Amino acid sequence: MGAVAYFDAASTEPLHPAAREALLASLDTAGADPARLYGTARRARMLLEQARGEAAEIVGARADEVAFTTSGTQAVHLGVLGTLLGRRRAGRHVVVSAVE
């Protein structure tokens, strides 16, 4: 199973210049669903995939290994689910401490 990296500054850090540029580029497609087929949605999908590829390159991963989430809670849930799926041969339980 590959490594998992979780990047979250609890909204306390300024945007990285590259992230700011990507955000500004995406404003023209605001509200477009990247899963749809109309023009603005295809542009949103292209911007999303471009951002995924750039993030993957920075952290040394493949683009299909990068997931963007809407919250820290969602990221943690996906990490736990990924752990369960990655270790399904070992069992169906994950034991965690009271800290998390």
Protein backbone atom coordinates (compact mmCIF):
# COMPACT_ATOMS: atom_id res chain seq x y z
CA MET A 1 0.00 0.00 0.00
CA GLY A 2 1.29 3.47 -0.86
CA ALA A 3 1.91 6.30 1.52
CA VAL A 4 -0.83 8.74 2.41
CA ALA A 5 -0.10 12.45 2.78
CA TYR A 6 -2.58 14.82 4.34
CA PHE A 7 -2.00 18.53 3.80
CA ASP A 8 -4.17 20.84 5.90
CA ALA A 9 -3.31 24.12 7.55
CA ALA A 10 -6.80 24.57 9.01
CA SER A 11 -7.37 27.54 6.70
CA THR A 12 -4.67 29.52 8.48
CA GLU A 13 -2.10 29.75 5.70
CA PRO A 14 -2.21 32.05 2.68
CA LEU A 15 -2.72 30.38 -0.68
CA HIS A 16 0.39 29.26 -2.48
CA PRO A 17 0.82 31.43 -5.61
CA ALA A 18 0.21 28.42 -7.88
CA ALA A 19 -2.96 27.53 -5.95
CA ARG A 20 -4.14 31.14 -6.19
CA GLU A 21 -3.58 31.12 -9.94
CA ALA A 22 -5.55 27.88 -10.28
CA LEU A 23 -8.37 29.29 -8.16
CA LEU A 24 -8.58 32.45 -10.25
CA ALA A 25 -8.60 30.40 -13.46
CA SER A 26 -11.46 28.31 -12.10
CA LEU A 27 -13.69 31.27 -11.22
CA ASP A 28 -14.96 31.44 -14.81
CA THR A 29 -16.32 27.92 -14.37
CA ALA A 30 -17.80 28.53 -10.93
CA GLY A 31 -20.74 26.26 -10.32
CA ALA A 32 -19.95 23.98 -13.24
CA ASP A 33 -20.12 20.29 -12.44
CA PRO A 34 -16.95 18.63 -13.81
CA ALA A 35 -18.89 15.36 -14.16
CA ARG A 36 -21.23 16.87 -16.79
CA LEU A 37 -20.69 17.18 -20.54
CA TYR A 38 -21.61 20.79 -21.35
CA GLY A 39 -18.83 23.22 -22.31
CA THR A 40 -18.26 24.98 -19.01
CA ALA A 41 -18.32 21.66 -17.17
CA ARG A 42 -15.71 20.19 -19.52
CA ARG A 43 -13.53 23.23 -18.81
CA ALA A 44 -14.02 22.64 -15.06
CA ARG A 45 -12.98 18.98 -15.51
CA MET A 46 -9.90 20.03 -17.48
CA LEU A 47 -8.87 22.50 -14.74
CA LEU A 48 -9.47 19.88 -12.05
CA GLU A 49 -7.37 17.28 -13.84
CA GLN A 50 -4.63 19.83 -14.52
CA ALA A 51 -4.51 20.73 -10.81
CA ARG A 52 -4.47 17.04 -9.88
CA GLY A 53 -1.55 16.42 -12.24
CA GLU A 54 0.41 19.38 -10.91
CA ALA A 55 -0.18 18.37 -7.29
CA ALA A 56 0.86 14.80 -8.09
CA GLU A 57 4.08 15.98 -9.69
CA ILE A 58 4.94 18.10 -6.65
CA VAL A 59 4.50 15.23 -4.19
CA GLY A 60 5.97 12.55 -6.47
CA ALA A 61 2.76 10.63 -7.07
CA ARG A 62 0.61 9.64 -10.02
CA ALA A 63 -2.37 11.88 -10.78
CA ASP A 64 -4.78 9.02 -10.06
CA GLU A 65 -3.31 8.80 -6.55
CA VAL A 66 -4.31 12.39 -5.68
CA ALA A 67 -7.72 13.11 -4.17
CA PHE A 68 -9.04 16.57 -3.40
CA THR A 69 -11.56 16.71 -0.59
CA THR A 70 -13.95 19.35 0.65
CA SER A 71 -12.93 19.07 4.29
CA GLY A 72 -10.46 17.56 6.71
CA THR A 73 -13.16 15.22 7.95
CA GLN A 74 -13.76 13.87 4.46
CA ALA A 75 -10.01 13.40 4.00
CA VAL A 76 -9.75 11.40 7.22
CA HIS A 77 -12.74 9.24 6.24
CA LEU A 78 -11.21 8.51 2.83
CA GLY A 79 -7.91 7.63 4.51
CA VAL A 80 -9.59 5.17 6.84
CA LEU A 81 -11.59 3.63 3.98
CA GLY A 82 -8.42 3.37 1.90
CA THR A 83 -6.68 1.61 4.77
CA LEU A 84 -9.55 -0.85 5.07
CA LEU A 85 -9.56 -1.56 1.34
CA GLY A 86 -5.78 -1.87 1.18
CA ARG A 87 -5.68 -4.36 4.04
CA ARG A 88 -8.86 -6.31 3.34
CA ARG A 89 -6.89 -9.57 3.17
CA ALA A 90 -5.68 -8.99 6.74
CA GLY A 91 -9.15 -8.43 8.17
CA ARG A 92 -12.11 -6.13 8.35
CA HIS A 93 -11.12 -4.05 11.38
CA VAL A 94 -8.95 -0.99 11.93
CA VAL A 95 -7.88 -0.19 15.47
CA VAL A 96 -7.22 3.48 16.28
CA SER A 97 -6.29 5.35 19.40
CA ALA A 98 -8.52 7.76 21.28
CA VAL A 99 -6.32 10.63 20.03
CA GLU A 100 -7.87 10.74 16.59
